[in-house]
C-alpha atoms as a PDB file:
ATOM      1  CA  MET A   1       0.000   0.000   0.000  1.00  0.00           C
ATOM      2  CA  ILE A   2       1.217   3.499  -0.841  1.00  0.00           C
ATOM      3  CA  GLU A   3       2.101   5.702   2.128  1.00  0.00           C
ATOM      4  CA  LEU A   4      -0.096   8.800   2.300  1.00  0.00           C
ATOM      5  CA  SER A   5       1.241  12.276   2.902  1.00  0.00           C
ATOM      6  CA  GLU A   6      -0.109  14.279   5.828  1.00  0.00           C
ATOM      7  CA  LYS A   7      -2.128  16.445   3.419  1.00  0.00           C
ATOM      8  CA  GLN A   8      -3.664  13.355   1.771  1.00  0.00           C
ATOM      9  CA  LYS A   9      -4.617  11.964   5.182  1.00  0.00           C
ATOM     10  CA  GLN A  10      -6.275  15.291   6.045  1.00  0.00           C
ATOM     11  CA  ILE A  11      -8.169  15.329   2.732  1.00  0.00           C
ATOM     12  CA  ALA A  12      -9.427  11.788   3.361  1.00  0.00           C
ATOM     13  CA  ALA A  13     -10.434  12.641   6.929  1.00  0.00           C
ATOM     14  CA  ILE A  14     -12.277  15.815   5.899  1.00  0.00           C
ATOM     15  CA  ALA A  15     -14.030  14.008   3.018  1.00  0.00           C
ATOM     16  CA  THR A  16     -15.101  11.234   5.400  1.00  0.00           C
ATOM     17  CA  ASP A  17     -16.479  13.744   7.911  1.00  0.00           C
ATOM     18  CA  LEU A  18     -18.351  15.649   5.196  1.00  0.00           C
ATOM     19  CA  PHE A  19     -19.792  12.401   3.809  1.00  0.00           C
ATOM     20  CA  ARG A  20     -20.946  11.381   7.275  1.00  0.00           C
ATOM     21  CA  GLU A  21     -22.674  14.761   7.790  1.00  0.00           C
ATOM     22  CA  LEU A  22     -24.418  14.539   4.419  1.00  0.00           C
ATOM     23  CA  LEU A  23     -25.482  10.930   4.943  1.00  0.00           C
ATOM     24  CA  PHE A  24     -26.926  11.677   8.380  1.00  0.00           C
ATOM     25  CA  GLY A  25     -28.613  14.774   6.975  1.00  0.00           C
ATOM     26  CA  HIS A  26     -30.278  13.002   4.055  1.00  0.00           C
ATOM     27  CA  ILE A  27     -30.708   9.321   4.972  1.00  0.00           C
ATOM     28  CA  ALA A  28     -34.326   9.798   6.096  1.00  0.00           C
ATOM     29  CA  GLU A  29     -35.150  11.729   2.902  1.00  0.00           C
ATOM     30  CA  SER A  30     -33.616   9.057   0.654  1.00  0.00           C
ATOM     31  CA  VAL A  31     -35.504   6.295   2.488  1.00  0.00           C
ATOM     32  CA  SER A  32     -38.742   8.281   2.230  1.00  0.00           C
ATOM     33  CA  ASP A  33     -38.188   8.766  -1.526  1.00  0.00           C
ATOM     34  CA  ALA A  34     -37.631   5.023  -1.994  1.00  0.00           C
ATOM     35  CA  GLU A  35     -40.697   4.097   0.061  1.00  0.00           C
ATOM     36  CA  ASP A  36     -42.851   6.633  -1.814  1.00  0.00           C
ATOM     37  CA  THR A  37     -41.764   5.244  -5.170  1.00  0.00           C
ATOM     38  CA  PHE A  38     -42.333   1.673  -3.956  1.00  0.00           C
ATOM     39  CA  GLN A  39     -45.900   2.468  -2.915  1.00  0.00           C
ATOM     40  CA  ARG A  40     -46.691   3.882  -6.375  1.00  0.00           C
ATOM     41  CA  ASP A  41     -44.930   1.165  -8.437  1.00  0.00           C
ATOM     42  CA  ASP A  42     -46.761  -2.176  -8.514  1.00  0.00           C
ATOM     43  CA  ALA A  43     -43.814  -3.831 -10.287  1.00  0.00           C
ATOM     44  CA  ALA A  44     -41.213  -2.905  -7.643  1.00  0.00           C
ATOM     45  CA  PRO A  45     -40.143  -5.934  -5.556  1.00  0.00           C
ATOM     46  CA  GLU A  46     -39.134  -3.783  -2.560  1.00  0.00           C
ATOM     47  CA  PRO A  47     -37.752  -0.293  -1.956  1.00  0.00           C
ATOM     48  CA  VAL A  48     -34.035   0.146  -2.598  1.00  0.00           C
ATOM     49  CA  VAL A  49     -31.905   3.149  -1.679  1.00  0.00           C
ATOM     50  CA  LYS A  50     -28.864   3.762  -3.880  1.00  0.00           C
ATOM     51  CA  ILE A  51     -26.571   6.536  -2.709  1.00  0.00           C
ATOM     52  CA  GLY A  52     -23.620   7.873  -4.677  1.00  0.00           C
ATOM     53  CA  VAL A  53     -20.739   9.891  -3.277  1.00  0.00           C
ATOM     54  CA  THR A  54     -18.393  12.183  -5.188  1.00  0.00           C
ATOM     55  CA  VAL A  55     -15.301  13.740  -3.643  1.00  0.00           C
ATOM     56  CA  GLN A  56     -13.606  16.617  -5.445  1.00  0.00           C
ATOM     57  CA  PHE A  57     -10.421  18.536  -4.605  1.00  0.00           C
ATOM     58  CA  LYS A  58      -7.394  20.079  -6.319  1.00  0.00           C
ATOM     59  CA  PRO A  59      -4.396  18.115  -5.054  1.00  0.00           C
ATOM     60  CA  MET A  60      -1.789  20.677  -6.161  1.00  0.00           C
ATOM     61  CA  ASN A  61      -3.256  23.479  -4.015  1.00  0.00           C
ATOM     62  CA  ALA A  62      -1.448  24.125  -0.740  1.00  0.00           C
ATOM     63  CA  LYS A  63      -4.838  24.276   1.013  1.00  0.00           C
ATOM     64  CA  PRO A  64      -7.259  22.341  -1.204  1.00  0.00           C
ATOM     65  CA  GLU A  65     -10.967  22.817  -0.791  1.00  0.00           C
ATOM     66  CA  VAL A  66     -12.703  19.445  -0.428  1.00  0.00           C
ATOM     67  CA  THR A  67     -16.216  19.130  -1.820  1.00  0.00           C
ATOM     68  CA  VAL A  68     -18.340  16.051  -1.160  1.00  0.00           C
ATOM     69  CA  ARG A  69     -21.560  15.500  -3.072  1.00  0.00           C
ATOM     70  CA  LEU A  70     -24.173  12.957  -2.033  1.00  0.00           C
ATOM     71  CA  SER A  71     -26.793  11.874  -4.545  1.00  0.00           C
ATOM     72  CA  TRP A  72     -29.543   9.289  -4.520  1.00  0.00           C
ATOM     73  CA  THR A  73     -31.850   8.033  -7.174  1.00  0.00           C
ATOM     74  CA  VAL A  74     -35.438   6.958  -7.257  1.00  0.00           C
ATOM     75  CA  LYS A  75     -36.003   4.302  -9.881  1.00  0.00           C
ATOM     76  CA  ARG A  76     -39.355   4.107 -11.604  1.00  0.00           C
ATOM     77  CA  CYS A  77     -40.339   1.590 -14.231  1.00  0.00           C
ATOM     78  CA  ASP A  78     -42.881   1.622 -16.995  1.00  0.00           C
ATOM     79  CA  GLU A  79     -43.619  -1.164 -19.443  1.00  0.00           C
ATOM     80  CA  ALA A  80     -45.749  -1.706 -22.516  1.00  0.00           C
ATOM     81  CA  THR A  81     -46.276  -4.872 -24.545  1.00  0.00           C
ATOM     82  CA  ALA A  82     -47.967  -5.743 -27.803  1.00  0.00           C
ATOM     83  CA  VAL A  83     -48.270  -8.801 -30.021  1.00  0.00           C
ATOM     84  CA  VAL A  84     -47.295  -8.671 -33.676  1.00  0.00           C
ATOM     85  CA  ASP A  85     -49.759 -10.696 -35.711  1.00  0.00           C
ATOM     86  CA  SER A  86     -47.837 -11.756 -38.813  1.00  0.00           C
ATOM     87  CA  ASP A  87     -51.019 -13.328 -40.232  1.00  0.00           C
ATOM     88  CA  GLN A  88     -52.653  -9.929 -40.393  1.00  0.00           C
ATOM     89  CA  ALA A  89     -52.722  -8.724 -44.018  1.00  0.00           C
ATOM     90  CA  LYS A  90     -52.326  -5.046 -43.336  1.00  0.00           C
ATOM     91  CA  LEU A  91     -51.006  -3.223 -40.291  1.00  0.00           C
ATOM     92  CA  ALA A  92     -53.040  -0.295 -38.970  1.00  0.00           C
ATOM     93  CA  PHE A  93     -50.401   2.312 -39.816  1.00  0.00           C
ATOM     94  CA  ALA A  94     -49.973   1.113 -43.427  1.00  0.00           C
ATOM     95  CA  SER A  95     -52.577   3.591 -44.652  1.00  0.00           C
ATOM     96  CA  GLU A  96     -50.374   6.388 -43.325  1.00  0.00           C
ATOM     97  CA  GLY A  97     -47.540   5.522 -45.694  1.00  0.00           C
ATOM     98  CA  GLY A  98     -45.976   2.876 -43.455  1.00  0.00           C
ATOM     99  CA  ALA A  99     -44.993  -0.703 -44.304  1.00  0.00           C
ATOM    100  CA  GLN A 100     -47.543  -3.187 -45.585  1.00  0.00           C
END
């Protein structure tokens, strides 16, 4: 494992603290979003929370500013199906210039 400089250790520690603050600040909201989506989506097997974390800093700066972004997604699904009847002589859209 590569040995970290003191500045790198500080960046990692600050990023970890910021992530922790954001997670504690938004965990209830992300769970609520997942539960809300689950209640409105009959096809969902169970609510799932997916949280992404991005850490950004400029390593060449003497005093880099560390930015941590927390994001979560709410997945919704929609589906449509239809049967193609190859025995049908003419498709409905053929009269509109489509294939016959």
